[in-house]
Amino acid sequence: MKFIKKLKFAILIFAFSHLFNTAASQSLPEVFNEGTLEEQYKYLHDQTRIYNNFRAIREDMFQRVRRNSLDSLNSANRETLLESELKEQAVSEKNSMAMLMAEMEAERDQAIRERDSLFLLGMPVSKIFYNILLWSIIGILAVLAFSAFILFMRSNRVTREKTKDLKELQEEYDEYRKTSRERFEQQSIDHFNELKRLKGI
């Protein structure tokens, strides 16, 4: 009786060892390296089995899908954050420009009314004083317009820099993914070769 139990245990150990070696020697399908997340989930759905309401998924496939999902989420979060910052900055600049333009238009209309009426606070004024006042307003408007132009150019430069930074970040991310994938593939090959060497193949 003890012999039969030991034999069953040995067979069970052998079977688990064989299954583990077979699973370890399998490489990941190409869909986990090149496919979209939807394609990877579809592959898991189509190629895995359900037993007692549990889906049996190879650990390396699960870890790869998990890592790919987290990478996609992190990338989407970074892009969303940058887009949100750019939109907020654009809205803020647009509002400030609109306020500045409204102020400039109000000052211009006031200057025109004063020129036509030649009255200041209900009192008549000389044309010399009126001309001095008018040119002062024009000078202030010119300074405001120049300041608005400088603000616009600065915001435009900041927007271009943010876009450039986003592009560089995307390129670095793509290079990192490529390097990580190549390193993982090399490790898988080395592991496979080591298993072959240990088995004497």
C-alpha atoms as a PDB file:
ATOM      1  CA  MET A   1       0.000   0.000   0.000  1.00  0.00           C
ATOM      2  CA  LYS A   2       2.808   2.398   0.892  1.00  0.00           C
ATOM      3  CA  PHE A   3       4.584   1.429  -2.303  1.00  0.00           C
ATOM      4  CA  ILE A   4       1.515   2.342  -4.377  1.00  0.00           C
ATOM      5  CA  LYS A   5       1.224   5.706  -2.625  1.00  0.00           C
ATOM      6  CA  LYS A   6       4.909   6.410  -3.224  1.00  0.00           C
ATOM      7  CA  LEU A   7       4.524   5.365  -6.863  1.00  0.00           C
ATOM      8  CA  LYS A   8       1.519   7.669  -7.321  1.00  0.00           C
ATOM      9  CA  PHE A   9       3.400  10.505  -5.692  1.00  0.00           C
ATOM     10  CA  ALA A  10       6.452   9.916  -7.931  1.00  0.00           C
ATOM     11  CA  ILE A  11       4.248   9.837 -11.049  1.00  0.00           C
ATOM     12  CA  LEU A  12       2.528  13.035  -9.953  1.00  0.00           C
ATOM     13  CA  ILE A  13       5.878  14.765  -9.362  1.00  0.00           C
ATOM     14  CA  PHE A  14       7.114  13.585 -12.752  1.00  0.00           C
ATOM     15  CA  ALA A  15       3.973  14.844 -14.495  1.00  0.00           C
ATOM     16  CA  PHE A  16       4.173  18.266 -12.854  1.00  0.00           C
ATOM     17  CA  SER A  17       7.876  18.490 -13.670  1.00  0.00           C
ATOM     18  CA  HIS A  18       7.204  17.569 -17.285  1.00  0.00           C
ATOM     19  CA  LEU A  19       4.387  20.119 -17.561  1.00  0.00           C
ATOM     20  CA  PHE A  20       6.560  22.817 -15.995  1.00  0.00           C
ATOM     21  CA  ASN A  21       9.455  22.110 -18.375  1.00  0.00           C
ATOM     22  CA  THR A  22       7.119  22.068 -21.371  1.00  0.00           C
ATOM     23  CA  ALA A  23       5.502  25.377 -20.375  1.00  0.00           C
ATOM     24  CA  ALA A  24       8.873  26.989 -19.650  1.00  0.00           C
ATOM     25  CA  SER A  25      10.269  25.948 -23.005  1.00  0.00           C
ATOM     26  CA  GLN A  26       7.340  27.450 -24.882  1.00  0.00           C
ATOM     27  CA  SER A  27       7.938  30.913 -26.197  1.00  0.00           C
ATOM     28  CA  LEU A  28       5.290  33.603 -26.124  1.00  0.00           C
ATOM     29  CA  PRO A  29       3.143  33.903 -29.259  1.00  0.00           C
ATOM     30  CA  GLU A  30       3.882  36.897 -31.471  1.00  0.00           C
ATOM     31  CA  VAL A  31       0.577  38.548 -30.540  1.00  0.00           C
ATOM     32  CA  PHE A  32       2.010  39.336 -27.078  1.00  0.00           C
ATOM     33  CA  ASN A  33       4.888  41.259 -28.648  1.00  0.00           C
ATOM     34  CA  GLU A  34       3.264  42.973 -31.622  1.00  0.00           C
ATOM     35  CA  GLY A  35      -0.510  42.744 -31.126  1.00  0.00           C
ATOM     36  CA  THR A  36      -2.855  45.236 -29.533  1.00  0.00           C
ATOM     37  CA  LEU A  37      -4.246  44.665 -26.048  1.00  0.00           C
ATOM     38  CA  GLU A  38      -7.576  43.682 -27.571  1.00  0.00           C
ATOM     39  CA  GLU A  39      -5.847  41.048 -29.728  1.00  0.00           C
ATOM     40  CA  GLN A  40      -3.928  39.745 -26.701  1.00  0.00           C
ATOM     41  CA  TYR A  41      -7.116  39.421 -24.621  1.00  0.00           C
ATOM     42  CA  LYS A  42      -8.861  37.731 -27.534  1.00  0.00           C
ATOM     43  CA  TYR A  43      -5.975  35.257 -27.808  1.00  0.00           C
ATOM     44  CA  LEU A  44      -6.239  34.451 -24.082  1.00  0.00           C
ATOM     45  CA  HIS A  45      -9.998  34.049 -24.403  1.00  0.00           C
ATOM     46  CA  ASP A  46      -9.744  31.754 -27.429  1.00  0.00           C
ATOM     47  CA  GLN A  47      -6.676  29.720 -26.441  1.00  0.00           C
ATOM     48  CA  THR A  48      -7.202  29.096 -22.721  1.00  0.00           C
ATOM     49  CA  ARG A  49      -9.597  26.733 -21.001  1.00  0.00           C
ATOM     50  CA  ILE A  50     -11.998  27.142 -18.108  1.00  0.00           C
ATOM     51  CA  TYR A  51     -11.986  24.607 -15.299  1.00  0.00           C
ATOM     52  CA  ASN A  52     -14.296  24.952 -12.273  1.00  0.00           C
ATOM     53  CA  ASN A  53     -14.998  28.595 -13.211  1.00  0.00           C
ATOM     54  CA  PHE A  54     -11.262  29.344 -13.289  1.00  0.00           C
ATOM     55  CA  ARG A  55      -9.384  30.190 -16.471  1.00  0.00           C
ATOM     56  CA  ALA A  56      -5.974  28.538 -16.753  1.00  0.00           C
ATOM     57  CA  ILE A  57      -3.461  31.050 -18.132  1.00  0.00           C
ATOM     58  CA  ARG A  58       0.265  30.538 -18.412  1.00  0.00           C
ATOM     59  CA  GLU A  59       2.144  32.729 -15.959  1.00  0.00           C
ATOM     60  CA  ASP A  60       4.412  34.269 -18.620  1.00  0.00           C
ATOM     61  CA  MET A  61       1.386  35.174 -20.760  1.00  0.00           C
ATOM     62  CA  PHE A  62      -0.392  36.705 -17.774  1.00  0.00           C
ATOM     63  CA  GLN A  63       2.667  38.733 -16.774  1.00  0.00           C
ATOM     64  CA  ARG A  64       3.192  39.947 -20.348  1.00  0.00           C
ATOM     65  CA  VAL A  65      -0.441  41.055 -20.736  1.00  0.00           C
ATOM     66  CA  ARG A  66      -0.306  42.688 -17.310  1.00  0.00           C
ATOM     67  CA  ARG A  67       2.894  44.558 -18.189  1.00  0.00           C
ATOM     68  CA  ASN A  68       1.547  45.607 -21.599  1.00  0.00           C
ATOM     69  CA  SER A  69      -1.703  46.835 -20.017  1.00  0.00           C
ATOM     70  CA  LEU A  70       0.152  48.878 -17.402  1.00  0.00           C
ATOM     71  CA  ASP A  71       2.455  50.335 -20.070  1.00  0.00           C
ATOM     72  CA  SER A  72      -0.544  51.364 -22.180  1.00  0.00           C
ATOM     73  CA  LEU A  73      -2.310  52.906 -19.178  1.00  0.00           C
ATOM     74  CA  ASN A  74       0.780  54.846 -18.123  1.00  0.00           C
ATOM     75  CA  SER A  75       1.323  56.130 -21.655  1.00  0.00           C
ATOM     76  CA  ALA A  76      -2.319  57.148 -21.989  1.00  0.00           C
ATOM     77  CA  ASN A  77      -2.194  58.899 -18.599  1.00  0.00           C
ATOM     78  CA  ARG A  78       0.910  60.859 -19.599  1.00  0.00           C
ATOM     79  CA  GLU A  79      -0.643  61.889 -22.909  1.00  0.00           C
ATOM     80  CA  THR A  80      -3.915  62.869 -21.230  1.00  0.00           C
ATOM     81  CA  LEU A  81      -2.060  64.932 -18.627  1.00  0.00           C
ATOM     82  CA  LEU A  82      -0.028  66.758 -21.275  1.00  0.00           C
ATOM     83  CA  GLU A  83      -3.114  67.384 -23.412  1.00  0.00           C
ATOM     84  CA  SER A  84      -5.002  68.699 -20.385  1.00  0.00           C
ATOM     85  CA  GLU A  85      -2.155  71.053 -19.490  1.00  0.00           C
ATOM     86  CA  LEU A  86      -1.936  72.322 -23.067  1.00  0.00           C
ATOM     87  CA  LYS A  87      -5.719  72.869 -23.257  1.00  0.00           C
ATOM     88  CA  GLU A  88      -5.791  74.704 -19.937  1.00  0.00           C
ATOM     89  CA  GLN A  89      -2.913  76.896 -21.027  1.00  0.00           C
ATOM     90  CA  ALA A  90      -4.582  77.646 -24.376  1.00  0.00           C
ATOM     91  CA  VAL A  91      -7.902  78.519 -22.690  1.00  0.00           C
ATOM     92  CA  SER A  92      -6.150  80.761 -20.171  1.00  0.00           C
ATOM     93  CA  GLU A  93      -4.200  82.566 -22.897  1.00  0.00           C
ATOM     94  CA  LYS A  94      -7.335  82.941 -25.027  1.00  0.00           C
ATOM     95  CA  ASN A  95      -9.253  84.435 -22.104  1.00  0.00           C
ATOM     96  CA  SER A  96      -6.466  86.861 -21.253  1.00  0.00           C
ATOM     97  CA  MET A  97      -6.185  87.911 -24.913  1.00  0.00           C
ATOM     98  CA  ALA A  98      -9.960  88.416 -25.112  1.00  0.00           C
ATOM     99  CA  MET A  99      -9.909  90.538 -21.960  1.00  0.00           C
ATOM    100  CA  LEU A 100      -6.973  92.544 -23.276  1.00  0.00           C
ATOM    101  CA  MET A 101      -8.700  93.084 -26.623  1.00  0.00           C
ATOM    102  CA  ALA A 102     -11.910  94.150 -24.885  1.00  0.00           C
ATOM    103  CA  GLU A 103      -9.958  96.645 -22.780  1.00  0.00           C
ATOM    104  CA  MET A 104      -8.169  97.975 -25.848  1.00  0.00           C
ATOM    105  CA  GLU A 105     -11.442  98.363 -27.747  1.00  0.00           C
ATOM    106  CA  ALA A 106     -13.047 100.161 -24.817  1.00  0.00           C
ATOM    107  CA  GLU A 107     -10.115 102.565 -24.561  1.00  0.00           C
ATOM    108  CA  ARG A 108     -10.182 103.153 -28.323  1.00  0.00           C
ATOM    109  CA  ASP A 109     -13.913 103.917 -28.270  1.00  0.00           C
ATOM    110  CA  GLN A 110     -13.418 106.297 -25.368  1.00  0.00           C
ATOM    111  CA  ALA A 111     -10.618 108.078 -27.232  1.00  0.00           C
ATOM    112  CA  ILE A 112     -12.808 108.463 -30.320  1.00  0.00           C
ATOM    113  CA  ARG A 113     -15.649 109.914 -28.271  1.00  0.00           C
ATOM    114  CA  GLU A 114     -13.348 112.398 -26.611  1.00  0.00           C
ATOM    115  CA  ARG A 115     -11.841 113.431 -29.956  1.00  0.00           C
ATOM    116  CA  ASP A 116     -15.225 114.055 -31.471  1.00  0.00           C
ATOM    117  CA  SER A 117     -16.714 115.915 -28.526  1.00  0.00           C
ATOM    118  CA  LEU A 118     -13.638 117.928 -27.471  1.00  0.00           C
ATOM    119  CA  PHE A 119     -15.016 117.767 -23.953  1.00  0.00           C
ATOM    120  CA  LEU A 120     -13.317 116.276 -20.927  1.00  0.00           C
ATOM    121  CA  LEU A 121     -15.499 115.524 -17.927  1.00  0.00           C
ATOM    122  CA  GLY A 122     -18.153 117.799 -19.378  1.00  0.00           C
ATOM    123  CA  MET A 123     -15.732 120.701 -19.756  1.00  0.00           C
ATOM    124  CA  PRO A 124     -14.353 122.009 -23.040  1.00  0.00           C
ATOM    125  CA  VAL A 125     -10.637 121.481 -23.548  1.00  0.00           C
ATOM    126  CA  SER A 126      -8.069 122.861 -25.969  1.00  0.00           C
ATOM    127  CA  LYS A 127      -6.998 120.883 -29.023  1.00  0.00           C
ATOM    128  CA  ILE A 128      -3.392 120.778 -27.803  1.00  0.00           C
ATOM    129  CA  PHE A 129      -4.437 119.149 -24.542  1.00  0.00           C
ATOM    130  CA  TYR A 130      -6.792 116.896 -26.428  1.00  0.00           C
ATOM    131  CA  ASN A 131      -4.023 115.838 -28.860  1.00  0.00           C
ATOM    132  CA  ILE A 132      -1.644 115.155 -25.982  1.00  0.00           C
ATOM    133  CA  LEU A 133      -4.295 113.015 -24.320  1.00  0.00           C
ATOM    134  CA  LEU A 134      -5.065 111.166 -27.553  1.00  0.00           C
ATOM    135  CA  TRP A 135      -1.431 110.377 -28.313  1.00  0.00           C
ATOM    136  CA  SER A 136      -0.938 109.235 -24.743  1.00  0.00           C
ATOM    137  CA  ILE A 137      -3.779 106.766 -25.136  1.00  0.00           C
ATOM    138  CA  ILE A 138      -2.357 105.603 -28.461  1.00  0.00           C
ATOM    139  CA  GLY A 139       1.033 105.100 -26.821  1.00  0.00           C
ATOM    140  CA  ILE A 140      -0.523 103.066 -24.007  1.00  0.00           C
ATOM    141  CA  LEU A 141      -2.413 100.955 -26.547  1.00  0.00           C
ATOM    142  CA  ALA A 142       0.791 100.394 -28.499  1.00  0.00           C
ATOM    143  CA  VAL A 143       2.562  99.250 -25.323  1.00  0.00           C
ATOM    144  CA  LEU A 144      -0.353  96.947 -24.504  1.00  0.00           C
ATOM    145  CA  ALA A 145      -0.392  95.556 -28.051  1.00  0.00           C
ATOM    146  CA  PHE A 146       3.356  94.948 -27.936  1.00  0.00           C
ATOM    147  CA  SER A 147       2.991  93.263 -24.546  1.00  0.00           C
ATOM    148  CA  ALA A 148       0.163  91.101 -25.911  1.00  0.00           C
ATOM    149  CA  PHE A 149       2.331  90.150 -28.899  1.00  0.00           C
ATOM    150  CA  ILE A 150       5.214  89.205 -26.589  1.00  0.00           C
ATOM    151  CA  LEU A 151       2.862  87.107 -24.444  1.00  0.00           C
ATOM    152  CA  PHE A 152       1.497  85.374 -27.530  1.00  0.00           C
ATOM    153  CA  MET A 153       4.972  84.594 -28.881  1.00  0.00           C
ATOM    154  CA  ARG A 154       6.074  83.253 -25.504  1.00  0.00           C
ATOM    155  CA  SER A 155       3.020  81.028 -25.156  1.00  0.00           C
ATOM    156  CA  ASN A 156       3.507  79.806 -28.723  1.00  0.00           C
ATOM    157  CA  ARG A 157       7.126  78.914 -27.943  1.00  0.00           C
ATOM    158  CA  VAL A 158       6.074  77.101 -24.758  1.00  0.00           C
ATOM    159  CA  THR A 159       3.470  75.157 -26.734  1.00  0.00           C
ATOM    160  CA  ARG A 160       6.078  74.106 -29.310  1.00  0.00           C
ATOM    161  CA  GLU A 161       8.470  73.050 -26.549  1.00  0.00           C
ATOM    162  CA  LYS A 162       5.749  70.992 -24.850  1.00  0.00           C
ATOM    163  CA  THR A 163       4.953  69.315 -28.171  1.00  0.00           C
ATOM    164  CA  LYS A 164       8.655  68.614 -28.755  1.00  0.00           C
ATOM    165  CA  ASP A 165       9.035  67.226 -25.208  1.00  0.00           C
ATOM    166  CA  LEU A 166       6.013  64.984 -25.751  1.00  0.00           C
ATOM    167  CA  LYS A 167       7.515  63.668 -28.986  1.00  0.00           C
ATOM    168  CA  GLU A 168      10.888  63.026 -27.328  1.00  0.00           C
ATOM    169  CA  LEU A 169       9.151  61.282 -24.425  1.00  0.00           C
ATOM    170  CA  GLN A 170       7.257  59.069 -26.867  1.00  0.00           C
ATOM    171  CA  GLU A 171      10.499  58.217 -28.712  1.00  0.00           C
ATOM    172  CA  GLU A 172      12.250  57.360 -25.432  1.00  0.00           C
ATOM    173  CA  TYR A 173       9.309  55.213 -24.409  1.00  0.00           C
ATOM    174  CA  ASP A 174       9.323  53.367 -27.746  1.00  0.00           C
ATOM    175  CA  GLU A 175      13.087  52.791 -27.469  1.00  0.00           C
ATOM    176  CA  TYR A 176      12.659  51.515 -23.910  1.00  0.00           C
ATOM    177  CA  ARG A 177       9.951  49.076 -24.979  1.00  0.00           C
ATOM    178  CA  LYS A 178      12.100  47.844 -27.861  1.00  0.00           C
ATOM    179  CA  THR A 179      15.133  47.373 -25.601  1.00  0.00           C
ATOM    180  CA  SER A 180      13.054  45.612 -22.942  1.00  0.00           C
ATOM    181  CA  ARG A 181      11.507  43.290 -25.508  1.00  0.00           C
ATOM    182  CA  GLU A 182      14.902  42.417 -27.002  1.00  0.00           C
ATOM    183  CA  ARG A 183      16.366  41.792 -23.551  1.00  0.00           C
ATOM    184  CA  PHE A 184      13.418  39.587 -22.591  1.00  0.00           C
ATOM    185  CA  GLU A 185      13.700  37.630 -25.851  1.00  0.00           C
ATOM    186  CA  GLN A 186      17.444  37.149 -25.308  1.00  0.00           C
ATOM    187  CA  GLN A 187      16.819  35.961 -21.753  1.00  0.00           C
ATOM    188  CA  SER A 188      14.175  33.543 -23.044  1.00  0.00           C
ATOM    189  CA  ILE A 189      16.618  32.175 -25.644  1.00  0.00           C
ATOM    190  CA  ASP A 190      19.373  31.854 -23.029  1.00  0.00           C
ATOM    191  CA  HIS A 191      16.987  30.093 -20.667  1.00  0.00           C
ATOM    192  CA  PHE A 192      15.842  27.745 -23.425  1.00  0.00           C
ATOM    193  CA  ASN A 193      19.457  26.950 -24.373  1.00  0.00           C
ATOM    194  CA  GLU A 194      20.307  26.320 -20.711  1.00  0.00           C
ATOM    195  CA  LEU A 195      17.379  23.907 -20.418  1.00  0.00           C
ATOM    196  CA  LYS A 196      18.525  22.107 -23.543  1.00  0.00           C
ATOM    197  CA  ARG A 197      22.055  21.894 -22.169  1.00  0.00           C
ATOM    198  CA  LEU A 198      20.802  20.553 -18.832  1.00  0.00           C
ATOM    199  CA  LYS A 199      18.654  17.952 -20.577  1.00  0.00           C
ATOM    200  CA  GLY A 200      21.608  16.981 -22.760  1.00  0.00           C
ATOM    201  CA  ILE A 201      19.838  17.815 -26.025  1.00  0.00           C
END
